[in-house]
Amino acid sequence: MNKVVRDAAEAVRDIPDGASIMVSGFGLCGIPENLIAALRAKGSKGLTVISNNAGTNDFGITFLLQSKQVKKMISTYVGENKVFEKMALAGEIEVELNPQGTFAERMRAGGAGVPAFFTPTGYGTLIAENKEVRWFDGRPHVMETGLRADYAFVKAWKGDPQGNLVFRKTTRNFGPVMAMAARTTIAEVEEIVPAGALDPDAIVTPGIFVRRLFPGKGYEKRIEKRTVRGGGGLETDPRRERIVRRAAREMKDGYYVNLGIGMPTLAANHVPKGISIVLHSENGRDGIDLLQRRPEIDLVLKLPNRKLWAIEIKRSSAPKVEKGFHSAVADLKPYKQFVVYAGTERFSVGGGVEAIGLVALATELRSAE
């Protein structure tokens, strides 16, 4: 059995006009760049595209919007894509917005053969209009249907000729559930290895869900907002600062706190003293380990604020702090160990560990007091 095809053009050869296609990715993280480009070149029109969002103004699914190939988008938010926004407001494209958790569960249900399920999310809003409502445990729940598609475009890290897939960090996002929910799943991978080379325990998507795969090439792996030396730090708007400071006061010792995109991320800088919490990123990248060794920026590790989390870490004989702190570090000084500072300079993070490089946020905060 060999499911490998030559390239993206061959992989999309039979996609007709009017097809429904799931496309993996969160922002630009984990998007199938080669498949999107190949579909644009093929020119299939009247498409229904099912994806968390539609890329950015000049990359990702935006290419298909610009070429007028998409009839309908089923997404969770318009995001920062002005092309998508203008087309939606002008009525040039149909848009069906789903709460993000509902979006993921609809695809999971579709892949598992579950026709519908009930969720409390969306009750009393436009999302619930014309949908059945039932009460469970004293709470109203809205019925949502499972979501399936003709095709799924999935980006994976490694694959073998039988179609088994391994994903890398946050690039996994919606890929596995989409692979299960589509009639034909096409995967582009960074590396194809011989059958049997993948650790069975590491395989996320079994080959039974994959119809075709091919080795991708020329990946740009763009970052929506790159934070670099000399660039801006954390938000400085006093109004936003006041809001996040107040929100941070709601955090209690032992809490697990989910951080969404934007202002919620900034609340990590104002955790009350004397408590220990665990932060969970919206992208599903929880439990990020500070002590990874990476010699250069890793374009895969991203936090919800879309800034790079990559750092290089080395052991030192004694903790020390050198000059050149980024201004944003001051907000995190009350905390020790497991803290990833927002800056770009050399500094000590405790425990005899010295960090050099680009960092963005904290993972687990433990008060120094």
Protein backbone atom coordinates (compact mmCIF):
# COMPACT_ATOMS: atom_id res chain seq x y z
CA MET A 1 0.00 0.00 0.00
CA ASN A 2 1.45 3.34 -1.05
CA LYS A 3 -0.63 6.49 -0.75
CA VAL A 4 2.14 8.89 -1.74
CA VAL A 5 1.50 11.08 -4.80
CA ARG A 6 4.02 13.20 -6.65
CA ASP A 7 3.04 16.70 -5.54
CA ALA A 8 0.21 19.02 -4.52
CA ALA A 9 -1.05 19.43 -8.09
CA GLU A 10 -1.59 15.69 -8.41
CA ALA A 11 -3.18 15.54 -4.96
CA VAL A 12 -5.92 18.05 -5.86
CA ARG A 13 -6.42 16.83 -9.43
CA ASP A 14 -10.03 15.69 -8.95
CA ILE A 15 -11.45 18.41 -6.70
CA PRO A 16 -14.55 19.65 -8.53
CA ASP A 17 -16.44 22.92 -8.44
CA GLY A 18 -18.77 23.11 -5.46
CA ALA A 19 -16.69 20.86 -3.21
CA SER A 20 -16.53 21.33 0.58
CA ILE A 21 -13.00 21.38 1.98
CA MET A 22 -11.70 21.44 5.54
CA VAL A 23 -8.37 23.26 5.86
CA SER A 24 -6.20 22.82 8.96
CA GLY A 25 -4.45 25.68 10.72
CA PHE A 26 -4.78 28.20 13.53
CA GLY A 27 -3.96 31.58 12.10
CA LEU A 28 -1.03 30.62 9.89
CA CYS A 29 0.23 27.90 12.21
CA GLY A 30 -0.07 24.49 10.57
CA ILE A 31 -1.72 25.57 7.32
CA PRO A 32 -1.24 23.37 4.22
CA GLU A 33 0.60 25.96 2.13
CA ASN A 34 1.25 23.71 -0.86
CA LEU A 35 -2.33 22.45 -1.14
CA ILE A 36 -3.81 25.95 -0.96
CA ALA A 37 -1.49 27.11 -3.75
CA ALA A 38 -2.29 24.05 -5.87
CA LEU A 39 -6.04 24.52 -5.47
CA ARG A 40 -5.70 28.15 -6.47
CA ALA A 41 -3.82 27.10 -9.61
CA LYS A 42 -6.41 24.43 -10.43
CA GLY A 43 -9.18 27.01 -10.28
CA SER A 44 -12.02 25.00 -8.69
CA LYS A 45 -14.86 27.40 -7.85
CA GLY A 46 -17.98 27.59 -5.71
CA LEU A 47 -16.10 26.04 -2.80
CA THR A 48 -17.24 25.78 0.80
CA VAL A 49 -14.14 26.15 2.93
CA ILE A 50 -14.24 24.99 6.56
CA SER A 51 -11.38 26.43 8.58
CA ASN A 52 -10.78 28.15 11.91
CA ASN A 53 -10.12 31.39 10.06
CA ALA A 54 -9.03 32.48 6.59
CA GLY A 55 -5.37 33.34 7.06
CA THR A 56 -4.06 36.89 6.91
CA ASN A 57 -4.45 39.70 4.38
CA ASP A 58 -1.84 38.25 2.06
CA PHE A 59 -1.33 34.59 2.93
CA GLY A 60 -3.19 31.34 3.42
CA ILE A 61 -6.83 30.85 2.44
CA THR A 62 -6.87 34.52 1.44
CA PHE A 63 -5.44 33.39 -1.89
CA LEU A 64 -8.65 31.47 -2.59
CA LEU A 65 -10.78 34.43 -1.51
CA GLN A 66 -8.90 36.81 -3.78
CA SER A 67 -9.39 34.52 -6.76
CA LYS A 68 -13.15 34.33 -6.07
CA GLN A 69 -13.08 30.55 -5.69
CA VAL A 70 -14.87 30.44 -2.32
CA LYS A 71 -18.64 30.62 -2.09
CA LYS A 72 -18.95 30.04 1.68
CA MET A 73 -16.68 30.09 4.73
CA ILE A 74 -17.49 28.10 7.87
CA SER A 75 -15.17 29.54 10.51
CA THR A 76 -14.86 30.67 14.11
CA TYR A 77 -13.84 34.28 13.49
CA VAL A 78 -12.91 36.69 10.75
CA GLY A 79 -9.68 37.52 12.55
CA GLU A 80 -7.38 40.21 11.21
CA ASN A 81 -8.09 39.41 7.58
CA LYS A 82 -9.34 42.56 5.85
CA VAL A 83 -9.98 40.69 2.60
CA PHE A 84 -12.32 38.26 4.37
CA GLU A 85 -13.95 41.10 6.30
CA LYS A 86 -14.68 43.22 3.24
CA MET A 87 -16.08 40.29 1.26
CA ALA A 88 -18.33 39.28 4.14
CA LEU A 89 -19.67 42.80 4.70
CA ALA A 90 -20.25 43.27 0.97
CA GLY A 91 -22.18 40.02 0.71
CA GLU A 92 -19.68 38.56 -1.73
CA ILE A 93 -19.27 35.44 0.38
CA GLU A 94 -21.50 33.47 2.75
CA VAL A 95 -20.16 33.24 6.29
CA GLU A 96 -21.20 30.81 9.00
CA LEU A 97 -19.51 31.59 12.31
CA ASN A 98 -19.24 28.97 15.06
CA PRO A 99 -17.98 29.23 18.62
CA GLN A 100 -14.50 27.71 18.47
CA GLY A 101 -15.22 24.82 20.82
CA THR A 102 -18.44 24.05 18.97
CA PHE A 103 -16.54 24.17 15.68
CA ALA A 104 -14.04 21.57 16.90
CA GLU A 105 -16.73 19.35 18.41
CA ARG A 106 -18.87 19.46 15.26
CA MET A 107 -15.96 18.06 13.26
CA ARG A 108 -15.10 15.51 15.93
CA ALA A 109 -18.72 14.38 15.97
CA GLY A 110 -18.81 14.19 12.19
CA GLY A 111 -15.72 12.02 12.16
CA ALA A 112 -17.09 9.76 14.88
CA GLY A 113 -20.40 9.24 13.12
CA VAL A 114 -22.37 11.25 15.67
CA PRO A 115 -25.09 13.17 13.81
CA ALA A 116 -25.75 15.78 16.51
CA PHE A 117 -24.98 16.82 20.09
CA PHE A 118 -26.12 19.38 22.68
CA THR A 119 -23.97 22.19 24.06
CA PRO A 120 -24.75 25.13 26.39
CA THR A 121 -22.56 27.39 24.25
CA GLY A 122 -24.51 29.95 22.24
CA TYR A 123 -27.84 29.66 24.04
CA GLY A 124 -29.74 32.94 23.93
CA THR A 125 -27.66 34.31 21.05
CA LEU A 126 -27.95 34.41 17.27
CA ILE A 127 -26.07 31.10 17.19
CA ALA A 128 -29.11 29.36 18.70
CA GLU A 129 -31.72 30.75 16.32
CA ASN A 130 -33.90 28.06 14.74
CA LYS A 131 -32.07 25.30 16.63
CA GLU A 132 -33.57 22.79 19.03
CA VAL A 133 -33.02 23.54 22.72
CA ARG A 134 -33.18 20.99 25.54
CA TRP A 135 -32.52 21.27 29.25
CA PHE A 136 -29.92 19.10 31.00
CA ASP A 137 -29.02 19.42 34.70
CA GLY A 138 -31.02 22.63 34.89
CA ARG A 139 -29.22 24.32 31.99
CA PRO A 140 -30.41 25.00 28.44
CA HIS A 141 -28.43 23.34 25.66
CA VAL A 142 -28.45 23.99 21.92
CA MET A 143 -28.42 21.16 19.43
CA GLU A 144 -25.54 21.30 16.92
CA THR A 145 -25.05 18.93 14.02
CA GLY A 146 -21.89 17.03 13.16
CA LEU A 147 -19.78 18.58 10.43
CA ARG A 148 -18.33 16.65 7.50
CA ALA A 149 -16.71 17.61 4.21
CA ASP A 150 -15.80 16.17 0.83
CA TYR A 151 -12.09 16.84 1.37
CA ALA A 152 -9.68 17.78 4.15
CA PHE A 153 -6.35 19.52 3.56
CA VAL A 154 -4.07 18.69 6.47
CA LYS A 155 -0.50 19.77 7.23
CA ALA A 156 1.55 17.23 9.22
CA TRP A 157 5.18 16.96 10.22
CA LYS A 158 5.93 13.36 9.20
CA GLY A 159 4.05 10.66 7.36
CA ASP A 160 4.67 7.21 5.95
CA PRO A 161 3.49 5.57 2.69
CA GLN A 162 0.49 4.07 4.51
CA GLY A 163 -0.76 7.52 5.48
CA ASN A 164 0.08 7.49 9.20
CA LEU A 165 0.71 11.05 10.39
CA VAL A 166 2.70 12.71 13.16
CA PHE A 167 2.12 16.38 13.94
CA ARG A 168 4.53 18.84 15.50
CA LYS A 169 3.49 20.89 18.50
CA THR A 170 0.77 23.50 17.83
CA THR A 171 0.67 22.73 14.11
CA ARG A 172 -1.58 19.82 15.11
CA ASN A 173 -4.53 22.11 16.00
CA PHE A 174 -7.60 21.01 13.96
CA GLY A 175 -5.76 18.58 11.67
CA PRO A 176 -6.67 15.27 13.37
CA VAL A 177 -10.41 15.93 13.66
CA MET A 178 -10.56 17.22 10.09
CA ALA A 179 -8.81 14.10 8.82
CA MET A 180 -11.53 11.99 10.42
CA ALA A 181 -14.44 14.14 9.26
CA ALA A 182 -13.67 14.26 5.52
CA ARG A 183 -14.44 11.68 2.86
CA THR A 184 -11.04 12.25 1.27
CA THR A 185 -8.15 13.50 3.36
CA ILE A 186 -5.04 14.83 1.65
CA ALA A 187 -1.97 15.43 3.79
CA GLU A 188 1.13 17.40 2.98
CA VAL A 189 4.07 16.50 5.19
CA GLU A 190 7.53 17.89 5.75
CA GLU A 191 9.07 14.43 5.63
CA ILE A 192 8.00 11.01 4.37
CA VAL A 193 9.63 8.13 6.22
CA PRO A 194 9.59 4.40 5.43
CA ALA A 195 6.66 2.32 6.68
CA GLY A 196 7.37 1.19 10.22
CA ALA A 197 9.73 4.07 10.99
CA LEU A 198 7.16 6.05 12.99
CA ASP A 199 6.79 5.22 16.67
CA PRO A 200 3.28 3.74 16.94
CA ASP A 201 2.73 5.68 20.17
CA ALA A 202 3.55 8.95 18.36
CA ILE A 203 1.10 8.48 15.49
CA VAL A 204 -1.81 10.89 15.90
CA THR A 205 -3.79 10.22 12.73
CA PRO A 206 -3.84 6.57 11.59
CA GLY A 207 -3.46 5.95 7.87
CA ILE A 208 -7.02 4.66 7.53
CA PHE A 209 -8.18 8.30 7.58
CA VAL A 210 -5.73 9.50 4.89
CA ARG A 211 -6.27 8.92 1.16
CA ARG A 212 -3.22 10.77 -0.27
CA LEU A 213 -0.06 12.43 0.97
CA PHE A 214 2.96 14.08 -0.56
CA PRO A 215 6.17 15.80 0.54
CA GLY A 216 5.62 19.55 0.81
CA LYS A 217 8.27 22.05 -0.16
CA GLY A 218 9.15 25.74 0.06
CA TYR A 219 7.39 26.36 3.37
CA GLU A 220 7.35 29.98 4.46
CA LYS A 221 5.85 29.30 7.92
CA ARG A 222 4.99 32.94 8.32
CA ILE A 223 4.43 34.53 11.71
CA GLU A 224 1.56 37.01 11.87
CA LYS A 225 3.33 39.32 14.30
CA ARG A 226 7.04 38.82 14.68
CA THR A 227 8.64 40.18 17.85
CA VAL A 228 12.32 40.93 17.40
CA ARG A 229 15.18 42.73 19.12
CA GLY A 230 14.38 46.40 19.37
CA GLY A 231 10.71 45.81 18.62
CA GLY A 232 7.75 46.62 20.80
CA GLY A 233 7.08 44.81 24.02
CA LEU A 234 3.80 44.26 25.80
CA GLU A 235 0.78 46.47 25.35
CA THR A 236 1.16 49.93 26.89
CA ASP A 237 -2.34 51.36 26.43
CA PRO A 238 -3.32 52.42 29.99
CA ARG A 239 -6.96 51.53 29.41
CA ARG A 240 -6.11 47.99 28.37
CA GLU A 241 -3.64 47.78 31.23
CA ARG A 242 -6.34 48.74 33.73
CA ILE A 243 -8.73 46.12 32.38
CA VAL A 244 -6.22 43.27 32.49
CA ARG A 245 -5.05 44.25 35.99
CA ARG A 246 -8.64 43.99 37.20
CA ALA A 247 -9.15 40.66 35.43
CA ALA A 248 -5.97 39.26 37.00
CA ARG A 249 -7.41 39.89 40.46
CA GLU A 250 -9.92 37.11 39.79
CA MET A 251 -7.11 34.51 39.69
CA LYS A 252 -6.89 32.37 42.81
CA ASP A 253 -4.22 29.99 44.07
CA GLY A 254 -4.30 26.68 42.21
CA TYR A 255 -6.31 28.00 39.27
CA TYR A 256 -5.80 26.78 35.72
CA VAL A 257 -6.21 29.88 33.56
CA ASN A 258 -6.95 29.77 29.83
CA LEU A 259 -5.49 32.72 27.91
CA GLY A 260 -7.21 33.85 24.73
CA ILE A 261 -5.72 36.02 22.02
CA GLY A 262 -4.96 39.66 22.80
CA MET A 263 -5.71 41.29 26.14
CA PRO A 264 -6.22 38.05 28.13
CA THR A 265 -2.58 37.20 27.47
CA LEU A 266 -1.48 40.39 29.24
CA ALA A 267 -3.20 39.32 32.46
CA ALA A 268 -0.28 36.96 33.04
CA ASN A 269 1.82 39.99 33.94
CA HIS A 270 -0.40 40.88 36.88
CA VAL A 271 -0.92 37.62 38.73
CA PRO A 272 -1.50 38.45 42.43
CA LYS A 273 1.48 37.85 44.69
CA GLY A 274 1.65 34.74 46.80
CA ILE A 275 -0.29 32.41 44.50
CA SER A 276 0.63 29.67 42.07
CA ILE A 277 -1.33 29.18 38.85
CA VAL A 278 -0.95 27.29 35.59
CA LEU A 279 -1.54 29.11 32.32
CA HIS A 280 -3.12 27.32 29.36
CA SER A 281 -2.85 28.73 25.86
CA GLU A 282 -5.83 28.94 23.55
CA ASN A 283 -3.88 27.12 20.85
CA GLY A 284 -3.82 23.97 22.94
CA ARG A 285 -0.12 24.26 23.71
CA ASP A 286 -0.29 23.66 27.47
CA GLY A 287 2.52 22.68 29.80
CA ILE A 288 5.20 24.39 27.71
CA ASP A 289 8.59 23.35 29.08
CA LEU A 290 10.97 26.22 29.76
CA LEU A 291 14.03 24.01 29.71
CA GLN A 292 14.04 23.01 26.05
CA ARG A 293 17.27 23.45 24.13
CA ARG A 294 16.80 25.07 20.74
CA PRO A 295 19.67 26.80 18.96
CA GLU A 296 17.50 29.07 16.84
CA ILE A 297 14.02 30.51 16.58
CA ASP A 298 11.42 27.77 16.19
CA LEU A 299 8.59 29.04 14.01
CA VAL A 300 6.19 26.42 15.39
CA LEU A 301 6.06 27.42 19.06
CA LYS A 302 3.57 30.28 19.28
CA LEU A 303 1.43 31.55 22.11
CA PRO A 304 -2.06 33.06 21.75
CA ASN A 305 -0.64 36.57 21.33
CA ARG A 306 1.02 35.24 18.14
CA LYS A 307 4.49 36.21 19.30
CA LEU A 308 7.34 33.74 19.11
CA TRP A 309 8.12 31.70 22.20
CA ALA A 310 11.45 30.35 20.96
CA ILE A 311 14.53 30.64 23.17
CA GLU A 312 17.98 29.14 23.42
CA ILE A 313 18.88 27.94 26.91
CA LYS A 314 22.24 26.88 28.30
CA ARG A 315 23.52 25.85 31.72
CA SER A 316 25.62 28.30 33.65
CA SER A 317 27.69 27.82 36.79
CA ALA A 318 25.77 30.46 38.69
CA PRO A 319 22.61 32.44 38.03
CA LYS A 320 23.31 35.98 36.96
CA VAL A 321 21.64 38.88 35.24
CA GLU A 322 23.44 40.94 32.62
CA LYS A 323 22.57 44.37 31.39
CA GLY A 324 20.18 44.80 28.48
CA PHE A 325 16.88 43.71 29.98
CA HIS A 326 13.91 44.36 27.75
CA SER A 327 11.63 46.95 29.36
CA ALA A 328 8.79 44.46 29.55
CA VAL A 329 10.70 42.22 31.96
CA ALA A 330 9.98 44.56 34.85
CA ASP A 331 6.37 43.41 35.03
CA LEU A 332 7.49 39.83 35.62
CA LYS A 333 10.24 40.45 38.17
CA PRO A 334 8.14 39.41 41.20
CA TYR A 335 8.14 35.86 39.91
CA LYS A 336 10.83 33.21 39.91
CA GLN A 337 11.54 29.92 38.13
CA PHE A 338 9.42 28.60 35.28
CA VAL A 339 9.04 32.18 34.13
CA VAL A 340 9.62 32.99 30.47
CA TYR A 341 10.32 36.72 30.29
CA ALA A 342 9.08 38.97 27.55
CA GLY A 343 12.33 40.22 26.10
CA THR A 344 15.23 39.58 23.82
CA GLU A 345 18.31 39.78 26.04
CA ARG A 346 20.49 37.55 28.19
CA PHE A 347 19.14 36.89 31.67
CA SER A 348 18.91 34.33 34.42
CA VAL A 349 15.66 32.52 35.11
CA GLY A 350 16.79 30.80 38.28
CA GLY A 351 17.97 27.31 39.05
CA GLY A 352 21.29 27.85 37.34
CA VAL A 353 19.65 28.30 33.95
CA GLU A 354 20.60 31.18 31.70
CA ALA A 355 18.49 32.09 28.68
CA ILE A 356 19.42 33.94 25.51
CA GLY A 357 17.05 34.82 22.73
CA LEU A 358 13.52 35.80 21.90
CA VAL A 359 10.79 35.06 24.41
CA ALA A 360 7.22 36.12 24.80
CA LEU A 361 5.29 35.08 27.89
CA ALA A 362 5.22 33.03 31.07
CA THR A 363 4.17 29.42 31.39
CA GLU A 364 3.85 28.69 35.11
CA LEU A 365 4.22 31.58 37.57
CA ARG A 366 5.41 31.06 41.12
CA SER A 367 5.64 34.07 43.39
CA ALA A 368 9.07 34.94 44.74
CA GLU A 369 7.52 35.91 48.05
